[in-house]
Amino acid sequence: MVLLGAVFLHRRPETVRVEPRTTLLDCLRDNLGLTGAHTGCEHGVCGACTVEFNGEISRSCITYSAACEGASVRTIEGFDEDALMVRLRAAFTAEHALQCGYCTPGMLIASTALLKSTPNPGEEQIRDSIGGNLCRCTGYRQIVDAVKLAAAKLDAQKK
């Protein structure tokens, strides 16, 4: 067991004891009870395990917990007070952009990152930003429409 100390989870310091081979995903789910990041492919391909790691989106299934010393990690549970995430969640609901919900946390985190860097993205930019997240239910059209809606509301708010 190694001590994983000084991790800032949702902006709060957290200390956890884990095996060196424990992935961040397993640590989040098994040790910290945060189940918003989902286990999918376990190869970093499907995006179900997406988290924010030091301000960038990252796949928690291929990140070892031991590499997180001193890092800032935010899971979907840490976005509850984020105004942009609140707007995206409302847009996802309005556009019926979720069905089974398995991909939704990763889609929301990827979309939030996009809208922070590109407040008024085109459809191609949206598709590129969510391209690393697999969805088997919606066909992506509703997800793209939801991100467009959230971006339009952001743009209207600025005017």
N, C-alpha and C. Protein backbone atom coordinates (compact mmCIF):
# COMPACT_ATOMS: atom_id res chain seq x y z
N MET A 1 0.84 -1.19 0.00
CA MET A 1 0.00 0.00 0.00
C MET A 1 0.88 1.25 0.00
N VAL A 2 0.46 2.23 -0.75
CA VAL A 2 1.13 3.53 -0.73
C VAL A 2 0.13 4.57 -0.27
N LEU A 3 0.62 5.60 0.32
CA LEU A 3 -0.22 6.68 0.76
C LEU A 3 -0.31 7.69 -0.37
N LEU A 4 -1.50 7.90 -0.85
CA LEU A 4 -1.74 8.91 -1.87
C LEU A 4 -2.17 10.15 -1.12
N GLY A 5 -1.27 11.06 -0.93
CA GLY A 5 -1.57 12.25 -0.14
C GLY A 5 -1.58 13.49 -0.99
N ALA A 6 -2.15 14.53 -0.47
CA ALA A 6 -2.16 15.85 -1.09
C ALA A 6 -2.80 15.84 -2.47
N VAL A 7 -3.83 15.06 -2.64
CA VAL A 7 -4.64 15.14 -3.85
C VAL A 7 -5.76 16.11 -3.53
N PHE A 8 -6.04 16.99 -4.44
CA PHE A 8 -7.12 17.94 -4.23
C PHE A 8 -8.32 17.48 -5.03
N LEU A 9 -9.24 16.86 -4.35
CA LEU A 9 -10.44 16.31 -4.96
C LEU A 9 -11.58 17.29 -4.74
N HIS A 10 -12.07 17.84 -5.81
CA HIS A 10 -13.13 18.85 -5.74
C HIS A 10 -12.69 20.02 -4.87
N ARG A 11 -11.42 20.37 -5.02
CA ARG A 11 -10.78 21.50 -4.33
C ARG A 11 -10.56 21.29 -2.84
N ARG A 12 -10.71 20.06 -2.37
CA ARG A 12 -10.44 19.74 -0.96
C ARG A 12 -9.32 18.72 -0.90
N PRO A 13 -8.40 18.86 0.07
CA PRO A 13 -7.33 17.85 0.17
C PRO A 13 -7.90 16.50 0.59
N GLU A 14 -7.36 15.47 0.02
CA GLU A 14 -7.82 14.10 0.29
C GLU A 14 -6.60 13.20 0.42
N THR A 15 -6.65 12.29 1.37
CA THR A 15 -5.58 11.31 1.55
C THR A 15 -6.18 9.93 1.50
N VAL A 16 -5.58 9.05 0.69
CA VAL A 16 -6.10 7.70 0.50
C VAL A 16 -4.93 6.73 0.46
N ARG A 17 -5.12 5.54 1.00
CA ARG A 17 -4.12 4.47 0.88
C ARG A 17 -4.56 3.54 -0.24
N VAL A 18 -3.67 3.37 -1.23
CA VAL A 18 -3.99 2.52 -2.37
C VAL A 18 -2.75 1.71 -2.77
N GLU A 19 -2.98 0.64 -3.48
CA GLU A 19 -1.89 -0.13 -4.07
C GLU A 19 -1.28 0.72 -5.20
N PRO A 20 0.01 0.60 -5.46
CA PRO A 20 0.62 1.40 -6.53
C PRO A 20 -0.03 1.19 -7.89
N ARG A 21 -0.57 0.03 -8.13
CA ARG A 21 -1.17 -0.27 -9.44
C ARG A 21 -2.63 0.18 -9.56
N THR A 22 -3.20 0.76 -8.51
CA THR A 22 -4.60 1.18 -8.52
C THR A 22 -4.80 2.36 -9.47
N THR A 23 -5.78 2.24 -10.35
CA THR A 23 -6.07 3.35 -11.25
C THR A 23 -6.84 4.43 -10.49
N LEU A 24 -6.79 5.62 -11.03
CA LEU A 24 -7.55 6.71 -10.44
C LEU A 24 -9.03 6.37 -10.44
N LEU A 25 -9.52 5.75 -11.50
CA LEU A 25 -10.93 5.35 -11.57
C LEU A 25 -11.29 4.42 -10.42
N ASP A 26 -10.49 3.40 -10.19
CA ASP A 26 -10.79 2.46 -9.10
C ASP A 26 -10.69 3.14 -7.75
N CYS A 27 -9.74 4.03 -7.59
CA CYS A 27 -9.60 4.76 -6.34
C CYS A 27 -10.84 5.63 -6.09
N LEU A 28 -11.27 6.35 -7.12
CA LEU A 28 -12.44 7.21 -6.99
C LEU A 28 -13.68 6.40 -6.61
N ARG A 29 -13.89 5.30 -7.31
CA ARG A 29 -15.10 4.51 -7.10
C ARG A 29 -15.02 3.67 -5.82
N ASP A 30 -13.92 2.95 -5.64
CA ASP A 30 -13.82 1.97 -4.56
C ASP A 30 -13.39 2.57 -3.22
N ASN A 31 -12.50 3.56 -3.27
CA ASN A 31 -11.97 4.12 -2.03
C ASN A 31 -12.70 5.38 -1.59
N LEU A 32 -13.21 6.14 -2.54
CA LEU A 32 -13.82 7.42 -2.21
C LEU A 32 -15.33 7.45 -2.43
N GLY A 33 -15.89 6.38 -2.99
CA GLY A 33 -17.34 6.30 -3.17
C GLY A 33 -17.90 7.25 -4.22
N LEU A 34 -17.06 7.73 -5.12
CA LEU A 34 -17.50 8.63 -6.19
C LEU A 34 -17.72 7.80 -7.45
N THR A 35 -18.97 7.57 -7.78
CA THR A 35 -19.31 6.63 -8.85
C THR A 35 -19.74 7.32 -10.15
N GLY A 36 -19.56 8.63 -10.24
CA GLY A 36 -19.94 9.34 -11.45
C GLY A 36 -19.07 8.99 -12.65
N ALA A 37 -17.80 8.75 -12.42
CA ALA A 37 -16.91 8.28 -13.50
C ALA A 37 -17.18 6.79 -13.65
N HIS A 38 -17.54 6.38 -14.85
CA HIS A 38 -17.95 4.99 -15.07
C HIS A 38 -16.83 4.14 -15.64
N THR A 39 -16.88 2.87 -15.32
CA THR A 39 -15.95 1.90 -15.89
C THR A 39 -16.51 1.43 -17.22
N GLY A 40 -15.73 1.61 -18.27
CA GLY A 40 -16.18 1.19 -19.60
C GLY A 40 -15.16 0.24 -20.20
N CYS A 41 -14.31 0.76 -21.04
CA CYS A 41 -13.36 -0.07 -21.78
C CYS A 41 -12.11 -0.41 -20.97
N GLU A 42 -11.78 0.41 -20.00
CA GLU A 42 -10.56 0.27 -19.19
C GLU A 42 -9.28 0.39 -20.03
N HIS A 43 -9.38 1.07 -21.18
CA HIS A 43 -8.24 1.30 -22.05
C HIS A 43 -8.14 2.76 -22.48
N GLY A 44 -8.97 3.64 -21.91
CA GLY A 44 -8.93 5.05 -22.24
C GLY A 44 -9.56 5.41 -23.57
N VAL A 45 -10.40 4.53 -24.10
CA VAL A 45 -10.97 4.74 -25.43
C VAL A 45 -12.40 5.26 -25.39
N CYS A 46 -13.21 4.82 -24.44
CA CYS A 46 -14.65 5.09 -24.49
C CYS A 46 -15.07 6.41 -23.84
N GLY A 47 -14.28 6.96 -22.94
CA GLY A 47 -14.60 8.23 -22.32
C GLY A 47 -15.53 8.17 -21.13
N ALA A 48 -16.00 6.98 -20.76
CA ALA A 48 -16.93 6.85 -19.63
C ALA A 48 -16.30 7.26 -18.31
N CYS A 49 -15.00 7.20 -18.23
CA CYS A 49 -14.28 7.48 -16.98
C CYS A 49 -13.69 8.89 -16.93
N THR A 50 -14.12 9.76 -17.83
CA THR A 50 -13.54 11.10 -17.95
C THR A 50 -13.67 11.91 -16.67
N VAL A 51 -12.56 12.53 -16.28
CA VAL A 51 -12.52 13.45 -15.14
C VAL A 51 -11.71 14.67 -15.57
N GLU A 52 -11.75 15.70 -14.75
CA GLU A 52 -10.88 16.85 -14.96
C GLU A 52 -9.65 16.65 -14.08
N PHE A 53 -8.47 16.67 -14.67
CA PHE A 53 -7.21 16.42 -13.98
C PHE A 53 -6.31 17.62 -14.23
N ASN A 54 -6.03 18.38 -13.17
CA ASN A 54 -5.24 19.61 -13.30
C ASN A 54 -5.78 20.52 -14.40
N GLY A 55 -7.11 20.63 -14.45
CA GLY A 55 -7.77 21.54 -15.38
C GLY A 55 -7.97 21.02 -16.79
N GLU A 56 -7.50 19.82 -17.08
CA GLU A 56 -7.65 19.22 -18.42
C GLU A 56 -8.48 17.95 -18.31
N ILE A 57 -9.19 17.60 -19.38
CA ILE A 57 -9.92 16.33 -19.31
C ILE A 57 -8.94 15.17 -19.43
N SER A 58 -9.26 14.11 -18.72
CA SER A 58 -8.34 12.98 -18.64
C SER A 58 -9.15 11.69 -18.44
N ARG A 59 -8.57 10.59 -18.85
CA ARG A 59 -9.19 9.28 -18.66
C ARG A 59 -8.68 8.69 -17.35
N SER A 60 -9.56 8.52 -16.40
CA SER A 60 -9.14 8.03 -15.08
C SER A 60 -8.83 6.53 -15.08
N CYS A 61 -9.28 5.81 -16.10
CA CYS A 61 -9.02 4.36 -16.14
C CYS A 61 -7.58 4.04 -16.52
N ILE A 62 -6.88 5.00 -17.13
CA ILE A 62 -5.49 4.75 -17.52
C ILE A 62 -4.52 5.66 -16.76
N THR A 63 -5.00 6.27 -15.70
CA THR A 63 -4.17 7.12 -14.85
C THR A 63 -3.98 6.40 -13.53
N TYR A 64 -2.74 6.16 -13.15
CA TYR A 64 -2.49 5.51 -11.86
C TYR A 64 -2.66 6.53 -10.74
N SER A 65 -3.27 6.09 -9.67
CA SER A 65 -3.49 6.95 -8.51
C SER A 65 -2.18 7.51 -7.98
N ALA A 66 -1.15 6.70 -8.00
CA ALA A 66 0.15 7.13 -7.49
C ALA A 66 0.70 8.34 -8.26
N ALA A 67 0.26 8.52 -9.50
CA ALA A 67 0.71 9.66 -10.31
C ALA A 67 -0.08 10.92 -9.99
N CYS A 68 -1.02 10.83 -9.08
CA CYS A 68 -1.90 11.96 -8.79
C CYS A 68 -1.45 12.80 -7.60
N GLU A 69 -0.34 12.45 -7.02
CA GLU A 69 0.18 13.20 -5.87
C GLU A 69 0.27 14.69 -6.21
N GLY A 70 -0.41 15.51 -5.44
CA GLY A 70 -0.39 16.95 -5.63
C GLY A 70 -1.29 17.46 -6.74
N ALA A 71 -1.99 16.57 -7.40
CA ALA A 71 -2.85 16.96 -8.52
C ALA A 71 -4.21 17.44 -8.03
N SER A 72 -4.88 18.15 -8.90
CA SER A 72 -6.26 18.56 -8.67
C SER A 72 -7.15 17.70 -9.55
N VAL A 73 -8.09 16.98 -8.93
CA VAL A 73 -8.98 16.07 -9.65
C VAL A 73 -10.42 16.50 -9.39
N ARG A 74 -11.21 16.54 -10.47
CA ARG A 74 -12.63 16.85 -10.30
C ARG A 74 -13.44 15.86 -11.12
N THR A 75 -14.33 15.15 -10.46
CA THR A 75 -15.24 14.23 -11.12
C THR A 75 -16.54 14.96 -11.40
N ILE A 76 -17.47 14.31 -12.04
CA ILE A 76 -18.76 14.94 -12.34
C ILE A 76 -19.43 15.42 -11.06
N GLU A 77 -19.19 14.75 -9.95
CA GLU A 77 -19.79 15.16 -8.67
C GLU A 77 -19.25 16.52 -8.20
N GLY A 78 -18.09 16.90 -8.66
CA GLY A 78 -17.48 18.16 -8.26
C GLY A 78 -17.93 19.35 -9.09
N PHE A 79 -18.82 19.14 -10.05
CA PHE A 79 -19.29 20.22 -10.91
C PHE A 79 -20.66 20.76 -10.50
N ASP A 80 -21.18 20.34 -9.36
CA ASP A 80 -22.54 20.73 -8.98
C ASP A 80 -22.74 22.24 -8.91
N GLU A 81 -21.74 22.98 -8.49
CA GLU A 81 -21.87 24.43 -8.36
C GLU A 81 -21.31 25.19 -9.57
N ASP A 82 -20.87 24.50 -10.58
CA ASP A 82 -20.30 25.11 -11.77
C ASP A 82 -21.43 25.62 -12.67
N ALA A 83 -21.50 26.93 -12.87
CA ALA A 83 -22.60 27.53 -13.63
C ALA A 83 -22.68 27.01 -15.06
N LEU A 84 -21.54 26.80 -15.69
CA LEU A 84 -21.53 26.27 -17.05
C LEU A 84 -22.08 24.85 -17.08
N MET A 85 -21.71 24.04 -16.10
CA MET A 85 -22.22 22.67 -16.03
C MET A 85 -23.73 22.67 -15.79
N VAL A 86 -24.20 23.55 -14.95
CA VAL A 86 -25.65 23.65 -14.69
C VAL A 86 -26.38 23.95 -15.99
N ARG A 87 -25.83 24.87 -16.77
CA ARG A 87 -26.44 25.23 -18.07
C ARG A 87 -26.39 24.04 -19.04
N LEU A 88 -25.27 23.33 -19.07
CA LEU A 88 -25.16 22.16 -19.95
C LEU A 88 -26.13 21.06 -19.54
N ARG A 89 -26.25 20.81 -18.25
CA ARG A 89 -27.20 19.79 -17.78
C ARG A 89 -28.62 20.13 -18.20
N ALA A 90 -28.99 21.40 -18.08
CA ALA A 90 -30.33 21.82 -18.50
C ALA A 90 -30.51 21.63 -20.00
N ALA A 91 -29.49 21.96 -20.78
CA ALA A 91 -29.55 21.79 -22.23
C ALA A 91 -29.64 20.32 -22.61
N PHE A 92 -28.89 19.46 -21.91
CA PHE A 92 -28.97 18.02 -22.17
C PHE A 92 -30.38 17.51 -21.91
N THR A 93 -31.00 18.01 -20.87
CA THR A 93 -32.38 17.60 -20.57
C THR A 93 -33.33 18.12 -21.64
N ALA A 94 -33.21 19.39 -22.00
CA ALA A 94 -34.10 20.01 -22.98
C ALA A 94 -34.00 19.33 -24.35
N GLU A 95 -32.81 18.91 -24.72
CA GLU A 95 -32.59 18.31 -26.04
C GLU A 95 -32.65 16.78 -26.02
N HIS A 96 -33.01 16.20 -24.89
CA HIS A 96 -33.07 14.74 -24.75
C HIS A 96 -31.74 14.10 -25.15
N ALA A 97 -30.67 14.67 -24.65
CA ALA A 97 -29.32 14.25 -25.02
C ALA A 97 -28.78 13.13 -24.15
N LEU A 98 -29.63 12.53 -23.36
CA LEU A 98 -29.19 11.39 -22.59
C LEU A 98 -30.29 10.34 -22.60
N GLN A 99 -29.86 9.12 -22.65
CA GLN A 99 -30.83 8.04 -22.59
C GLN A 99 -30.45 7.11 -21.45
N CYS A 100 -29.47 6.25 -21.65
CA CYS A 100 -29.10 5.36 -20.55
C CYS A 100 -28.27 6.09 -19.50
N GLY A 101 -27.58 7.17 -19.91
CA GLY A 101 -26.80 7.99 -18.99
C GLY A 101 -25.39 7.53 -18.74
N TYR A 102 -24.98 6.41 -19.33
CA TYR A 102 -23.65 5.88 -19.04
C TYR A 102 -22.55 6.81 -19.54
N CYS A 103 -22.72 7.40 -20.71
CA CYS A 103 -21.71 8.28 -21.27
C CYS A 103 -21.85 9.72 -20.79
N THR A 104 -22.98 10.04 -20.17
CA THR A 104 -23.32 11.43 -19.87
C THR A 104 -22.27 12.17 -19.05
N PRO A 105 -21.73 11.62 -17.95
CA PRO A 105 -20.72 12.39 -17.20
C PRO A 105 -19.52 12.78 -18.06
N GLY A 106 -19.02 11.85 -18.86
CA GLY A 106 -17.89 12.15 -19.73
C GLY A 106 -18.24 13.17 -20.80
N MET A 107 -19.44 13.05 -21.36
CA MET A 107 -19.89 14.02 -22.37
C MET A 107 -20.00 15.41 -21.76
N LEU A 108 -20.54 15.50 -20.55
CA LEU A 108 -20.70 16.79 -19.89
C LEU A 108 -19.35 17.43 -19.56
N ILE A 109 -18.42 16.63 -19.06
CA ILE A 109 -17.10 17.17 -18.73
C ILE A 109 -16.38 17.62 -20.00
N ALA A 110 -16.44 16.83 -21.06
CA ALA A 110 -15.81 17.22 -22.33
C ALA A 110 -16.46 18.48 -22.89
N SER A 111 -17.77 18.57 -22.80
CA SER A 111 -18.49 19.74 -23.32
C SER A 111 -18.18 20.99 -22.50
N THR A 112 -18.05 20.83 -21.20
CA THR A 112 -17.68 21.96 -20.35
C THR A 112 -16.30 22.48 -20.73
N ALA A 113 -15.36 21.58 -20.92
CA ALA A 113 -14.01 21.98 -21.33
C ALA A 113 -14.04 22.72 -22.66
N LEU A 114 -14.85 22.24 -23.59
CA LEU A 114 -14.96 22.90 -24.90
C LEU A 114 -15.50 24.32 -24.74
N LEU A 115 -16.61 24.46 -24.01
CA LEU A 115 -17.25 25.77 -23.90
C LEU A 115 -16.42 26.77 -23.09
N LYS A 116 -15.55 26.26 -22.22
CA LYS A 116 -14.64 27.16 -21.50
C LYS A 116 -13.58 27.73 -22.45
N SER A 117 -13.12 26.90 -23.38
CA SER A 117 -12.07 27.35 -24.30
C SER A 117 -12.64 27.99 -25.57
N THR A 118 -13.83 27.56 -25.98
CA THR A 118 -14.47 28.04 -27.21
C THR A 118 -15.94 28.30 -26.91
N PRO A 119 -16.28 29.50 -26.47
CA PRO A 119 -17.65 29.77 -26.02
C PRO A 119 -18.73 29.62 -27.10
N ASN A 120 -18.38 29.75 -28.36
CA ASN A 120 -19.37 29.63 -29.42
C ASN A 120 -18.86 28.69 -30.51
N PRO A 121 -18.76 27.39 -30.20
CA PRO A 121 -18.18 26.44 -31.16
C PRO A 121 -19.14 26.10 -32.29
N GLY A 122 -18.55 25.74 -33.41
CA GLY A 122 -19.34 25.22 -34.52
C GLY A 122 -19.59 23.73 -34.31
N GLU A 123 -20.44 23.18 -35.16
CA GLU A 123 -20.79 21.77 -35.02
C GLU A 123 -19.57 20.85 -35.11
N GLU A 124 -18.66 21.15 -36.01
CA GLU A 124 -17.46 20.32 -36.17
C GLU A 124 -16.61 20.34 -34.90
N GLN A 125 -16.48 21.51 -34.29
CA GLN A 125 -15.72 21.62 -33.04
C GLN A 125 -16.39 20.82 -31.92
N ILE A 126 -17.70 20.87 -31.87
CA ILE A 126 -18.43 20.11 -30.85
C ILE A 126 -18.20 18.62 -31.06
N ARG A 127 -18.35 18.18 -32.30
CA ARG A 127 -18.16 16.76 -32.60
C ARG A 127 -16.73 16.31 -32.27
N ASP A 128 -15.75 17.15 -32.57
CA ASP A 128 -14.36 16.83 -32.24
C ASP A 128 -14.18 16.72 -30.72
N SER A 129 -14.79 17.63 -29.98
CA SER A 129 -14.59 17.65 -28.52
C SER A 129 -15.22 16.45 -27.82
N ILE A 130 -16.31 15.93 -28.37
CA ILE A 130 -16.95 14.77 -27.74
C ILE A 130 -16.57 13.47 -28.44
N GLY A 131 -15.71 13.57 -29.44
CA GLY A 131 -15.33 12.40 -30.25
C GLY A 131 -14.66 11.28 -29.47
N GLY A 132 -14.09 11.59 -28.33
CA GLY A 132 -13.45 10.56 -27.51
C GLY A 132 -14.39 9.90 -26.53
N ASN A 133 -15.68 10.22 -26.62
CA ASN A 133 -16.68 9.64 -25.73
C ASN A 133 -17.69 8.87 -26.56
N LEU A 134 -17.79 7.59 -26.30
CA LEU A 134 -18.71 6.75 -27.06
C LEU A 134 -20.10 6.75 -26.44
N CYS A 135 -21.10 6.90 -27.31
CA CYS A 135 -22.50 6.83 -26.89
C CYS A 135 -23.19 5.84 -27.82
N ARG A 136 -23.88 4.90 -27.24
CA ARG A 136 -24.57 3.89 -28.05
C ARG A 136 -26.06 4.13 -28.14
N CYS A 137 -26.57 5.17 -27.49
CA CYS A 137 -28.02 5.38 -27.44
C CYS A 137 -28.51 6.52 -28.31
N THR A 138 -27.85 7.67 -28.27
CA THR A 138 -28.44 8.87 -28.85
C THR A 138 -28.11 9.12 -30.31
N GLY A 139 -27.04 8.54 -30.82
CA GLY A 139 -26.62 8.86 -32.17
C GLY A 139 -25.92 10.21 -32.24
N TYR A 140 -25.64 10.83 -31.13
CA TYR A 140 -24.88 12.07 -30.98
C TYR A 140 -25.62 13.34 -31.40
N ARG A 141 -26.63 13.25 -32.24
CA ARG A 141 -27.32 14.46 -32.73
C ARG A 141 -27.84 15.29 -31.56
N GLN A 142 -28.51 14.63 -30.60
CA GLN A 142 -29.07 15.37 -29.47
C GLN A 142 -27.98 15.97 -28.58
N ILE A 143 -26.87 15.29 -28.47
CA ILE A 143 -25.77 15.80 -27.66
C ILE A 143 -25.18 17.05 -28.31
N VAL A 144 -24.97 17.00 -29.61
CA VAL A 144 -24.46 18.17 -30.35
C VAL A 144 -25.45 19.33 -30.20
N ASP A 145 -26.75 19.03 -30.35
CA ASP A 145 -27.77 20.08 -30.21
C ASP A 145 -27.77 20.67 -28.80
N ALA A 146 -27.56 19.84 -27.80
CA ALA A 146 -27.53 20.33 -26.42
C ALA A 146 -26.34 21.26 -26.19
N VAL A 147 -25.19 20.92 -26.72
CA VAL A 147 -24.01 21.79 -26.56
C VAL A 147 -24.24 23.10 -27.31
N LYS A 148 -24.86 23.03 -28.49
CA LYS A 148 -25.19 24.25 -29.24
C LYS A 148 -26.14 25.13 -28.43
N LEU A 149 -27.14 24.52 -27.82
CA LEU A 149 -28.11 25.27 -27.01
C LEU A 149 -27.43 25.95 -25.83
N ALA A 150 -26.58 25.21 -25.13
CA ALA A 150 -25.86 25.80 -23.99
C ALA A 150 -24.97 26.95 -24.46
N ALA A 151 -24.31 26.79 -25.60
CA ALA A 151 -23.45 27.84 -26.14
C ALA A 151 -24.28 29.06 -26.53
N ALA A 152 -25.44 28.84 -27.14
CA ALA A 152 -26.31 29.95 -27.54
C ALA A 152 -26.80 30.72 -26.33
N LYS A 153 -27.12 30.01 -25.26
CA LYS A 153 -27.58 30.69 -24.03
C LYS A 153 -26.44 31.47 -23.40
N LEU A 154 -25.22 30.94 -23.48
CA LEU A 154 -24.07 31.68 -22.98
C LEU A 154 -23.86 32.95 -23.78
N ASP A 155 -23.99 32.82 -25.11
CA ASP A 155 -23.81 33.96 -25.99
C ASP A 155 -24.89 35.02 -25.74
N ALA A 156 -26.15 34.59 -25.55
CA ALA A 156 -27.24 35.51 -25.27
C ALA A 156 -27.05 36.21 -23.93
N GLN A 157 -26.49 35.49 -22.98
CA GLN A 157 -26.26 36.05 -21.64
C GLN A 157 -25.21 37.18 -21.71
N LYS A 158 -24.25 37.07 -22.61
CA LYS A 158 -23.19 38.07 -22.74
C LYS A 158 -23.69 39.36 -23.37
N LYS A 159 -24.78 39.27 -24.16
CA LYS A 159 -25.29 40.44 -24.88
C LYS A 159 -26.14 41.32 -24.01
